[in-house]
């Protein structure tokens, strides 16, 4: 297939790469990829934990520094790189504007881990929200680092196997024609 249609394979790969790059230049395309990546099993979990840590860290630092809650939420929304979490933070902002707690706006969102919502609720009730947010961020940052290290230990053997299969395939494609040539020579002599 590759020998006969190699040009079409290259055209398809180039078009795919160009399509992805073009979609990332538009806001709708970035939003699509953000929503898609959150649904991918392992990657989505890491993105959720990373965004939760980033949100909590930014809110915690600003609240501990004396910035008002609404300003802190609005600024934290600007820092988040994921459209799903920006939408969630927008709803948190609207909830905080009405005087409701932050945790109430987070409850319906399955993207935000339940323990984050619970710990924010405890921080709001104790009046120590900034410190609690920083503790949540510390926990999730260490958790993400641990999971990335663990994933790398699983990925290394997989890459070794893939490379081994690739090298074996290349070797087989070089050696098998030699055997065919030897059989042909023997048939001609015999």
N, C-alpha and C. Protein backbone atom coordinates (compact mmCIF):
# COMPACT_ATOMS: atom_id res chain seq x y z
N UNK A 1 0.83 -1.20 0.00
CA UNK A 1 0.00 0.00 0.00
C UNK A 1 0.87 1.25 0.00
N UNK A 2 1.88 1.25 0.87
CA UNK A 2 2.74 2.43 0.96
C UNK A 2 3.57 2.64 -0.31
N UNK A 3 4.00 1.55 -0.93
CA UNK A 3 4.76 1.70 -2.17
C UNK A 3 3.90 2.31 -3.27
N UNK A 4 2.66 1.88 -3.33
CA UNK A 4 1.79 2.32 -4.42
C UNK A 4 1.19 3.70 -4.16
N UNK A 5 0.86 4.00 -2.92
CA UNK A 5 0.15 5.25 -2.61
C UNK A 5 0.93 6.14 -1.64
N UNK A 6 2.24 6.11 -1.69
CA UNK A 6 3.04 6.87 -0.74
C UNK A 6 2.79 8.37 -0.84
N UNK A 7 2.56 8.87 -2.04
CA UNK A 7 2.33 10.31 -2.20
C UNK A 7 1.03 10.73 -1.52
N UNK A 8 0.00 9.86 -1.61
CA UNK A 8 -1.27 10.19 -0.97
C UNK A 8 -1.16 10.13 0.55
N UNK A 9 -0.33 9.23 1.03
CA UNK A 9 -0.10 9.15 2.48
C UNK A 9 0.57 10.43 2.97
N UNK A 10 1.56 10.91 2.23
CA UNK A 10 2.22 12.17 2.61
C UNK A 10 1.27 13.35 2.55
N UNK A 11 0.43 13.39 1.51
CA UNK A 11 -0.55 14.46 1.38
C UNK A 11 -1.54 14.42 2.55
N UNK A 12 -1.99 13.21 2.92
CA UNK A 12 -2.92 13.07 4.04
C UNK A 12 -2.30 13.54 5.35
N UNK A 13 -1.06 13.14 5.60
CA UNK A 13 -0.38 13.54 6.84
C UNK A 13 -0.16 15.05 6.87
N UNK A 14 0.25 15.63 5.75
CA UNK A 14 0.45 17.08 5.68
C UNK A 14 -0.86 17.83 5.89
N UNK A 15 -1.94 17.33 5.28
CA UNK A 15 -3.25 17.97 5.45
C UNK A 15 -3.73 17.86 6.89
N UNK A 16 -3.48 16.73 7.53
CA UNK A 16 -3.87 16.55 8.92
C UNK A 16 -3.13 17.53 9.82
N UNK A 17 -1.82 17.65 9.63
CA UNK A 17 -1.02 18.57 10.43
C UNK A 17 -1.45 20.01 10.18
N UNK A 18 -1.67 20.37 8.92
CA UNK A 18 -2.12 21.73 8.59
C UNK A 18 -3.49 22.01 9.19
N UNK A 19 -4.38 21.02 9.15
CA UNK A 19 -5.72 21.20 9.74
C UNK A 19 -5.66 21.43 11.23
N UNK A 20 -4.81 20.68 11.92
CA UNK A 20 -4.68 20.86 13.37
C UNK A 20 -4.08 22.22 13.68
N UNK A 21 -3.03 22.62 12.94
CA UNK A 21 -2.43 23.94 13.17
C UNK A 21 -3.43 25.05 12.90
N UNK A 22 -4.20 24.93 11.82
CA UNK A 22 -5.20 25.94 11.48
C UNK A 22 -6.27 26.02 12.56
N UNK A 23 -6.70 24.86 13.07
CA UNK A 23 -7.74 24.88 14.09
C UNK A 23 -7.23 25.49 15.39
N UNK A 24 -5.94 25.34 15.68
CA UNK A 24 -5.38 25.94 16.89
C UNK A 24 -5.23 27.45 16.79
N UNK A 25 -5.24 27.98 15.57
CA UNK A 25 -5.16 29.43 15.41
C UNK A 25 -6.49 30.11 15.70
N UNK A 26 -7.58 29.39 15.59
CA UNK A 26 -8.92 29.93 15.85
C UNK A 26 -9.34 29.58 17.27
N UNK A 27 -10.09 30.46 17.90
CA UNK A 27 -10.55 30.22 19.27
C UNK A 27 -11.45 28.99 19.36
N UNK A 28 -12.31 28.79 18.38
CA UNK A 28 -13.20 27.63 18.39
C UNK A 28 -12.39 26.32 18.32
N UNK A 29 -11.33 26.33 17.56
CA UNK A 29 -10.48 25.14 17.45
C UNK A 29 -9.77 24.84 18.75
N UNK A 30 -9.24 25.89 19.40
CA UNK A 30 -8.58 25.68 20.70
C UNK A 30 -9.58 25.18 21.73
N UNK A 31 -10.80 25.73 21.70
CA UNK A 31 -11.84 25.28 22.62
C UNK A 31 -12.16 23.80 22.38
N UNK A 32 -12.26 23.41 21.11
CA UNK A 32 -12.54 22.01 20.77
C UNK A 32 -11.47 21.09 21.33
N UNK A 33 -10.19 21.43 21.11
CA UNK A 33 -9.10 20.59 21.57
C UNK A 33 -9.04 20.55 23.09
N UNK A 34 -9.32 21.69 23.75
CA UNK A 34 -9.34 21.70 25.22
C UNK A 34 -10.40 20.75 25.75
N UNK A 35 -11.58 20.81 25.17
CA UNK A 35 -12.67 19.93 25.63
C UNK A 35 -12.36 18.46 25.31
N UNK A 36 -11.72 18.22 24.17
CA UNK A 36 -11.38 16.85 23.78
C UNK A 36 -10.32 16.25 24.70
N UNK A 37 -9.26 17.02 24.98
CA UNK A 37 -8.17 16.49 25.79
C UNK A 37 -8.60 16.19 27.22
N UNK A 38 -9.58 16.92 27.74
CA UNK A 38 -10.06 16.65 29.10
C UNK A 38 -10.76 15.30 29.16
N UNK A 39 -11.29 14.83 28.03
CA UNK A 39 -12.00 13.55 28.00
C UNK A 39 -11.08 12.35 27.77
N UNK A 40 -9.84 12.59 27.37
CA UNK A 40 -8.89 11.50 27.15
C UNK A 40 -8.51 10.92 28.52
N UNK A 41 -8.56 9.59 28.68
CA UNK A 41 -8.43 8.99 30.01
C UNK A 41 -7.25 9.46 30.87
N UNK A 42 -6.04 9.22 30.51
CA UNK A 42 -4.91 9.54 31.39
C UNK A 42 -4.55 11.02 31.28
N UNK A 43 -4.51 11.52 30.08
CA UNK A 43 -4.14 12.92 29.84
C UNK A 43 -5.17 13.86 30.48
N UNK A 44 -6.44 13.54 30.33
CA UNK A 44 -7.50 14.38 30.90
C UNK A 44 -7.40 14.49 32.40
N UNK A 45 -7.07 13.39 33.06
CA UNK A 45 -6.91 13.41 34.51
C UNK A 45 -5.76 14.32 34.92
N UNK A 46 -4.65 14.25 34.18
CA UNK A 46 -3.52 15.14 34.48
C UNK A 46 -3.87 16.60 34.22
N UNK A 47 -4.61 16.86 33.16
CA UNK A 47 -5.00 18.24 32.86
C UNK A 47 -5.92 18.77 33.97
N UNK A 48 -6.86 17.96 34.41
CA UNK A 48 -7.78 18.38 35.48
C UNK A 48 -7.02 18.70 36.74
N UNK A 49 -6.08 17.83 37.12
CA UNK A 49 -5.31 18.08 38.34
C UNK A 49 -4.41 19.29 38.20
N UNK A 50 -3.81 19.47 37.02
CA UNK A 50 -2.95 20.63 36.79
C UNK A 50 -3.75 21.93 36.83
N UNK A 51 -4.91 21.94 36.17
CA UNK A 51 -5.74 23.14 36.18
C UNK A 51 -6.29 23.44 37.58
N UNK A 52 -6.64 22.40 38.32
CA UNK A 52 -7.11 22.60 39.69
C UNK A 52 -6.01 23.21 40.55
N UNK A 53 -4.79 22.68 40.41
CA UNK A 53 -3.65 23.22 41.17
C UNK A 53 -3.37 24.66 40.77
N UNK A 54 -3.42 24.95 39.47
CA UNK A 54 -3.14 26.31 39.00
C UNK A 54 -4.19 27.30 39.50
N UNK A 55 -5.45 26.88 39.44
CA UNK A 55 -6.52 27.74 39.92
C UNK A 55 -6.38 28.00 41.41
N UNK A 56 -6.17 26.94 42.18
CA UNK A 56 -6.05 27.10 43.63
C UNK A 56 -4.81 27.91 44.00
N UNK A 57 -3.71 27.69 43.32
CA UNK A 57 -2.48 28.44 43.62
C UNK A 57 -2.69 29.93 43.37
N UNK A 58 -3.26 30.26 42.22
CA UNK A 58 -3.45 31.69 41.90
C UNK A 58 -4.43 32.34 42.85
N UNK A 59 -5.56 31.68 43.11
CA UNK A 59 -6.53 32.25 44.05
C UNK A 59 -5.93 32.35 45.44
N UNK A 60 -5.21 31.32 45.88
CA UNK A 60 -4.62 31.32 47.21
C UNK A 60 -3.61 32.43 47.40
N UNK A 61 -2.74 32.63 46.43
CA UNK A 61 -1.74 33.69 46.54
C UNK A 61 -2.40 35.06 46.58
N UNK A 62 -3.38 35.26 45.71
CA UNK A 62 -4.03 36.58 45.66
C UNK A 62 -4.85 36.86 46.92
N UNK A 63 -5.57 35.87 47.40
CA UNK A 63 -6.37 36.07 48.62
C UNK A 63 -5.47 36.27 49.83
N UNK A 64 -4.36 35.56 49.89
CA UNK A 64 -3.42 35.73 51.00
C UNK A 64 -2.74 37.10 50.95
N UNK A 65 -2.67 37.68 49.76
CA UNK A 65 -2.04 38.99 49.60
C UNK A 65 -3.02 40.14 49.83
N UNK A 66 -4.27 39.82 50.07
CA UNK A 66 -5.24 40.87 50.37
C UNK A 66 -6.08 41.32 49.19
N UNK A 67 -5.98 40.63 48.06
CA UNK A 67 -6.80 40.97 46.90
C UNK A 67 -8.22 40.50 47.18
N UNK A 68 -9.20 41.28 46.77
CA UNK A 68 -10.59 40.90 47.01
C UNK A 68 -10.94 39.64 46.21
N UNK A 69 -11.95 38.92 46.69
CA UNK A 69 -12.32 37.64 46.09
C UNK A 69 -12.70 37.78 44.62
N UNK A 70 -13.54 38.76 44.29
CA UNK A 70 -13.99 38.90 42.90
C UNK A 70 -12.84 39.24 41.95
N UNK A 71 -11.95 40.12 42.40
CA UNK A 71 -10.79 40.47 41.56
C UNK A 71 -9.89 39.26 41.41
N UNK A 72 -9.69 38.51 42.48
CA UNK A 72 -8.83 37.33 42.43
C UNK A 72 -9.40 36.28 41.47
N UNK A 73 -10.71 36.06 41.53
CA UNK A 73 -11.33 35.09 40.63
C UNK A 73 -11.20 35.53 39.19
N UNK A 74 -11.43 36.81 38.94
CA UNK A 74 -11.33 37.33 37.57
C UNK A 74 -9.91 37.21 37.04
N UNK A 75 -8.92 37.48 37.88
CA UNK A 75 -7.52 37.37 37.45
C UNK A 75 -7.12 35.91 37.26
N UNK A 76 -7.61 35.03 38.12
CA UNK A 76 -7.29 33.60 37.99
C UNK A 76 -7.85 33.03 36.70
N UNK A 77 -9.00 33.54 36.30
CA UNK A 77 -9.61 33.06 35.04
C UNK A 77 -8.71 33.37 33.85
N UNK A 78 -8.02 34.51 33.91
CA UNK A 78 -7.16 34.91 32.80
C UNK A 78 -5.93 34.01 32.69
N UNK A 79 -5.50 33.40 33.81
CA UNK A 79 -4.29 32.60 33.83
C UNK A 79 -4.53 31.18 33.32
N UNK A 80 -5.76 30.69 33.50
CA UNK A 80 -6.05 29.31 33.11
C UNK A 80 -5.98 29.15 31.60
N UNK A 81 -5.35 28.08 31.16
CA UNK A 81 -5.18 27.86 29.73
C UNK A 81 -6.22 26.95 29.12
N UNK A 82 -7.18 26.51 29.91
CA UNK A 82 -8.16 25.55 29.43
C UNK A 82 -9.54 26.19 29.43
N UNK A 83 -10.27 26.08 28.32
CA UNK A 83 -11.56 26.73 28.18
C UNK A 83 -12.59 26.14 29.14
N UNK A 84 -12.50 24.86 29.43
CA UNK A 84 -13.45 24.23 30.35
C UNK A 84 -13.32 24.86 31.73
N UNK A 85 -12.09 25.02 32.19
CA UNK A 85 -11.89 25.61 33.51
C UNK A 85 -12.17 27.10 33.52
N UNK A 86 -11.95 27.78 32.40
CA UNK A 86 -12.32 29.21 32.36
C UNK A 86 -13.82 29.37 32.49
N UNK A 87 -14.59 28.47 31.83
CA UNK A 87 -16.05 28.52 31.96
C UNK A 87 -16.49 28.25 33.39
N UNK A 88 -15.84 27.30 34.03
CA UNK A 88 -16.16 26.99 35.43
C UNK A 88 -15.86 28.19 36.31
N UNK A 89 -14.71 28.82 36.11
CA UNK A 89 -14.33 29.97 36.93
C UNK A 89 -15.27 31.14 36.66
N UNK A 90 -15.76 31.26 35.45
CA UNK A 90 -16.75 32.31 35.16
C UNK A 90 -18.02 32.08 35.98
N UNK A 91 -18.44 30.84 36.09
CA UNK A 91 -19.62 30.53 36.92
C UNK A 91 -19.33 30.76 38.40
N UNK A 92 -18.10 30.48 38.82
CA UNK A 92 -17.70 30.76 40.20
C UNK A 92 -17.75 32.26 40.45
N UNK A 93 -17.30 33.05 39.48
CA UNK A 93 -17.34 34.51 39.61
C UNK A 93 -18.77 35.00 39.77
N UNK A 94 -19.66 34.48 38.93
CA UNK A 94 -21.06 34.89 39.01
C UNK A 94 -21.67 34.47 40.34
N UNK A 95 -21.30 33.31 40.84
CA UNK A 95 -21.79 32.84 42.13
C UNK A 95 -21.26 33.72 43.27
N UNK A 96 -19.98 34.08 43.18
CA UNK A 96 -19.39 34.93 44.22
C UNK A 96 -19.98 36.34 44.18
N UNK A 97 -20.34 36.80 42.99
CA UNK A 97 -20.98 38.11 42.87
C UNK A 97 -22.33 38.15 43.59
N UNK A 98 -23.03 37.02 43.57
CA UNK A 98 -24.33 36.93 44.24
C UNK A 98 -24.19 36.72 45.74
N UNK A 99 -22.96 36.50 46.20
CA UNK A 99 -22.74 36.29 47.62
C UNK A 99 -22.76 34.83 48.04
N UNK A 100 -22.89 33.93 47.08
CA UNK A 100 -22.84 32.51 47.38
C UNK A 100 -21.37 32.09 47.50
N UNK A 101 -21.14 30.94 48.08
CA UNK A 101 -19.78 30.46 48.23
C UNK A 101 -19.20 29.95 46.94
N UNK A 102 -17.89 29.89 46.90
CA UNK A 102 -17.19 29.36 45.73
C UNK A 102 -17.53 27.89 45.54
N UNK A 103 -17.57 27.15 46.64
CA UNK A 103 -17.77 25.71 46.55
C UNK A 103 -19.13 25.35 45.96
N UNK A 104 -20.13 26.20 46.18
CA UNK A 104 -21.47 25.91 45.62
C UNK A 104 -21.46 25.94 44.10
N UNK A 105 -20.65 26.83 43.54
CA UNK A 105 -20.56 26.91 42.08
C UNK A 105 -19.75 25.74 41.51
N UNK A 106 -18.88 25.14 42.32
CA UNK A 106 -18.03 24.05 41.84
C UNK A 106 -18.72 22.69 41.92
N UNK A 107 -19.72 22.56 42.78
CA UNK A 107 -20.37 21.26 43.01
C UNK A 107 -20.89 20.61 41.73
N UNK A 108 -21.61 21.30 40.85
CA UNK A 108 -22.16 20.60 39.67
C UNK A 108 -21.13 20.20 38.61
N UNK A 109 -19.91 20.66 38.73
CA UNK A 109 -18.91 20.40 37.69
C UNK A 109 -18.10 19.16 38.02
N UNK A 110 -18.24 18.13 37.18
CA UNK A 110 -17.50 16.88 37.40
C UNK A 110 -16.02 17.03 37.08
N UNK A 111 -15.65 18.09 36.36
CA UNK A 111 -14.24 18.30 36.03
C UNK A 111 -13.42 18.69 37.26
N UNK A 112 -14.05 19.35 38.22
CA UNK A 112 -13.35 19.75 39.43
C UNK A 112 -13.43 18.58 40.42
N UNK A 113 -12.28 18.11 40.90
CA UNK A 113 -12.31 16.99 41.85
C UNK A 113 -13.15 17.34 43.09
N UNK A 114 -13.87 16.35 43.59
CA UNK A 114 -14.77 16.56 44.73
C UNK A 114 -14.01 16.97 45.99
N UNK A 115 -12.79 16.45 46.17
CA UNK A 115 -12.05 16.84 47.37
C UNK A 115 -11.63 18.30 47.32
N UNK A 116 -11.42 18.84 46.12
CA UNK A 116 -11.12 20.27 46.00
C UNK A 116 -12.33 21.09 46.44
N UNK A 117 -13.50 20.69 45.98
CA UNK A 117 -14.73 21.39 46.37
C UNK A 117 -14.93 21.32 47.88
N UNK A 118 -14.71 20.15 48.45
CA UNK A 118 -14.90 19.98 49.89
C UNK A 118 -13.91 20.82 50.68
N UNK A 119 -12.64 20.82 50.27
CA UNK A 119 -11.63 21.59 51.00
C UNK A 119 -11.86 23.09 50.86
N UNK A 120 -12.34 23.54 49.71
CA UNK A 120 -12.69 24.95 49.55
C UNK A 120 -13.83 25.31 50.49
N UNK A 121 -14.80 24.41 50.61
CA UNK A 121 -15.92 24.62 51.53
C UNK A 121 -15.42 24.77 52.97
N UNK A 122 -14.48 23.92 53.36
CA UNK A 122 -13.91 24.01 54.71
C UNK A 122 -13.16 25.33 54.88
N UNK A 123 -12.41 25.73 53.86
CA UNK A 123 -11.68 27.00 53.92
C UNK A 123 -12.61 28.20 54.03
N UNK A 124 -13.74 28.14 53.32
CA UNK A 124 -14.72 29.24 53.40
C UNK A 124 -15.35 29.30 54.79
N UNK A 125 -15.68 28.14 55.33
CA UNK A 125 -16.33 28.12 56.64
C UNK A 125 -15.38 28.55 57.76
N UNK A 126 -14.10 28.21 57.61
CA UNK A 126 -13.13 28.57 58.65
C UNK A 126 -12.63 30.00 58.51
N UNK A 127 -12.89 30.62 57.37
CA UNK A 127 -12.41 31.98 57.13
C UNK A 127 -10.95 32.03 56.74
N UNK A 128 -10.38 30.89 56.37
CA UNK A 128 -8.98 30.79 56.02
C UNK A 128 -8.84 30.23 54.60
N UNK A 129 -9.57 30.82 53.68
CA UNK A 129 -9.64 30.29 52.32
C UNK A 129 -8.31 30.35 51.59
N UNK A 130 -7.57 31.43 51.75
CA UNK A 130 -6.29 31.58 51.05
C UNK A 130 -5.30 30.49 51.40
N UNK A 131 -5.15 30.20 52.69
CA UNK A 131 -4.23 29.14 53.11
C UNK A 131 -4.71 27.77 52.64
N UNK A 132 -6.02 27.54 52.70
CA UNK A 132 -6.56 26.25 52.25
C UNK A 132 -6.32 26.06 50.76
N UNK A 133 -6.49 27.11 49.98
CA UNK A 133 -6.25 27.02 48.53
C UNK A 133 -4.78 26.70 48.25
N UNK A 134 -3.88 27.31 49.01
CA UNK A 134 -2.46 27.01 48.83
C UNK A 134 -2.14 25.56 49.19
N UNK A 135 -2.78 25.03 50.22
CA UNK A 135 -2.57 23.62 50.59
C UNK A 135 -3.10 22.69 49.51
N UNK A 136 -4.25 23.03 48.94
CA UNK A 136 -4.80 22.23 47.84
C UNK A 136 -3.84 22.23 46.65
N UNK A 137 -3.32 23.42 46.34
CA UNK A 137 -2.38 23.54 45.21
C UNK A 137 -1.12 22.73 45.47
N UNK A 138 -0.59 22.77 46.70
CA UNK A 138 0.60 21.98 47.03
C UNK A 138 0.32 20.49 46.81
N UNK A 139 -0.83 20.04 47.30
CA UNK A 139 -1.18 18.63 47.18
C UNK A 139 -1.28 18.20 45.71
N UNK A 140 -2.00 18.99 44.90
CA UNK A 140 -2.20 18.59 43.52
C UNK A 140 -0.94 18.75 42.67
N UNK A 141 -0.11 19.72 42.97
CA UNK A 141 1.15 19.84 42.24
C UNK A 141 2.05 18.64 42.50
N UNK A 142 2.12 18.21 43.76
CA UNK A 142 2.94 17.03 44.06
C UNK A 142 2.33 15.77 43.45
N UNK A 143 1.00 15.71 43.43
CA UNK A 143 0.32 14.55 42.84
C UNK A 143 0.59 14.48 41.33
N UNK A 144 0.55 15.61 40.65
CA UNK A 144 0.82 15.64 39.20
C UNK A 144 2.26 15.23 38.93
N UNK A 145 3.20 15.75 39.72
CA UNK A 145 4.61 15.38 39.52
C UNK A 145 4.80 13.87 39.70
N UNK A 146 4.18 13.31 40.72
CA UNK A 146 4.29 11.88 40.97
C UNK A 146 3.69 11.07 39.82
N UNK A 147 2.52 11.47 39.33
CA UNK A 147 1.87 10.73 38.25
C UNK A 147 2.63 10.83 36.93
N UNK A 148 3.25 11.98 36.68
CA UNK A 148 4.05 12.13 35.46
C UNK A 148 5.28 11.21 35.54
N UNK A 149 5.94 11.17 36.70
CA UNK A 149 7.10 10.28 36.86
C UNK A 149 6.68 8.82 36.68
N UNK A 150 5.54 8.47 37.24
CA UNK A 150 5.04 7.11 37.12
C UNK A 150 4.69 6.76 35.67
N UNK A 151 4.09 7.71 34.97
CA UNK A 151 3.73 7.49 33.56
C UNK A 151 4.98 7.29 32.71
N UNK A 152 6.02 8.05 33.01
CA UNK A 152 7.27 7.92 32.24
C UNK A 152 7.86 6.53 32.44
N UNK A 153 7.77 5.98 33.65
CA UNK A 153 8.32 4.64 33.88
C UNK A 153 7.54 3.58 33.11
N UNK A 154 6.26 3.83 32.85
CA UNK A 154 5.47 2.89 32.05
C UNK A 154 5.68 3.11 30.55
N UNK A 155 5.92 4.33 30.17
CA UNK A 155 6.06 4.65 28.75
C UNK A 155 7.39 4.14 28.19
N UNK A 156 8.46 4.19 28.99
CA UNK A 156 9.78 3.76 28.50
C UNK A 156 9.77 2.34 27.95
N UNK A 157 9.27 1.35 28.69
CA UNK A 157 9.25 -0.01 28.12
C UNK A 157 8.38 -0.13 26.87
N UNK A 158 7.31 0.62 26.83
CA UNK A 158 6.44 0.58 25.65
C UNK A 158 7.19 1.09 24.43
N UNK A 159 7.93 2.19 24.59
CA UNK A 159 8.71 2.71 23.47
C UNK A 159 9.80 1.73 23.04
N UNK A 160 10.40 1.05 24.02
CA UNK A 160 11.44 0.07 23.68
C UNK A 160 10.83 -1.07 22.85
N UNK A 161 9.65 -1.53 23.24
CA UNK A 161 8.99 -2.59 22.48
C UNK A 161 8.63 -2.10 21.08
N UNK A 162 8.11 -0.89 20.97
CA UNK A 162 7.74 -0.33 19.66
C UNK A 162 8.98 -0.21 18.77
N UNK A 163 10.07 0.29 19.34
CA UNK A 163 11.32 0.39 18.56
C UNK A 163 11.82 -0.99 18.15
N UNK A 164 11.72 -1.96 19.07
CA UNK A 164 12.15 -3.32 18.74
C UNK A 164 11.34 -3.91 17.60
N UNK A 165 10.03 -3.70 17.64
CA UNK A 165 9.17 -4.20 16.55
C UNK A 165 9.51 -3.48 15.25
N UNK A 166 9.75 -2.19 15.32
CA UNK A 166 10.11 -1.43 14.12
C UNK A 166 11.43 -1.90 13.52
N UNK A 167 12.44 -2.07 14.37
CA UNK A 167 13.74 -2.53 13.88
C UNK A 167 13.62 -3.95 13.35
N UNK A 168 12.85 -4.80 14.06
CA UNK A 168 12.63 -6.17 13.58
C UNK A 168 11.94 -6.18 12.23
N UNK A 169 10.98 -5.32 12.04
CA UNK A 169 10.28 -5.23 10.75
C UNK A 169 11.21 -4.79 9.63
N UNK A 170 12.06 -3.83 9.94
CA UNK A 170 13.02 -3.37 8.93
C UNK A 170 14.00 -4.48 8.58
N UNK A 171 14.49 -5.18 9.61
CA UNK A 171 15.43 -6.29 9.37
C UNK A 171 14.75 -7.38 8.55
N UNK A 172 13.51 -7.72 8.90
CA UNK A 172 12.79 -8.76 8.15
C UNK A 172 12.58 -8.34 6.70
N UNK A 173 12.28 -7.06 6.48
CA UNK A 173 12.07 -6.60 5.11
C UNK A 173 13.36 -6.60 4.29
N UNK A 174 14.50 -6.55 4.96
CA UNK A 174 15.77 -6.61 4.24
C UNK A 174 16.24 -8.05 4.03
N UNK A 175 15.98 -8.93 5.00
CA UNK A 175 16.50 -10.29 4.93
C UNK A 175 15.61 -11.21 4.10
N UNK A 176 14.30 -11.07 4.18
CA UNK A 176 13.39 -11.95 3.43
C UNK A 176 13.62 -11.91 1.92
N UNK A 177 13.84 -10.75 1.32
CA UNK A 177 14.14 -10.77 -0.12
C UNK A 177 15.43 -11.53 -0.46
N UNK A 178 16.40 -11.52 0.48
CA UNK A 178 17.63 -12.28 0.24
C UNK A 178 17.33 -13.78 0.19
N UNK A 179 16.47 -14.25 1.10
CA UNK A 179 16.10 -15.66 1.08
C UNK A 179 15.36 -16.01 -0.22
N UNK A 180 14.48 -15.12 -0.65
CA UNK A 180 13.77 -15.34 -1.91
C UNK A 180 14.74 -15.41 -3.08
N UNK A 181 15.76 -14.56 -3.05
CA UNK A 181 16.75 -14.54 -4.12
C UNK A 181 17.56 -15.84 -4.12
N UNK A 182 17.92 -16.33 -2.94
CA UNK A 182 18.66 -17.58 -2.85
C UNK A 182 17.81 -18.74 -3.37
N UNK A 183 16.52 -18.78 -3.04
CA UNK A 183 15.62 -19.83 -3.53
C UNK A 183 15.50 -19.77 -5.05
N UNK A 184 15.43 -18.56 -5.58
CA UNK A 184 15.33 -18.39 -7.03
C UNK A 184 16.60 -18.91 -7.72
N UNK A 185 17.76 -18.61 -7.16
CA UNK A 185 19.02 -19.06 -7.73
C UNK A 185 19.11 -20.57 -7.67
N UNK A 186 18.66 -21.19 -6.56
CA UNK A 186 18.69 -22.63 -6.44
C UNK A 186 17.75 -23.27 -7.45
N UNK A 187 16.58 -22.67 -7.69
CA UNK A 187 15.62 -23.21 -8.67
C UNK A 187 16.18 -23.12 -10.09
N UNK A 188 16.93 -22.06 -10.39
CA UNK A 188 17.50 -21.89 -11.71
C UNK A 188 18.59 -22.93 -11.93
N UNK A 189 19.43 -23.19 -10.94
CA UNK A 189 20.53 -24.18 -11.04
C UNK A 189 19.99 -25.60 -11.05
N UNK A 190 18.91 -25.83 -10.32
CA UNK A 190 18.41 -27.18 -10.13
C UNK A 190 17.46 -27.58 -11.17
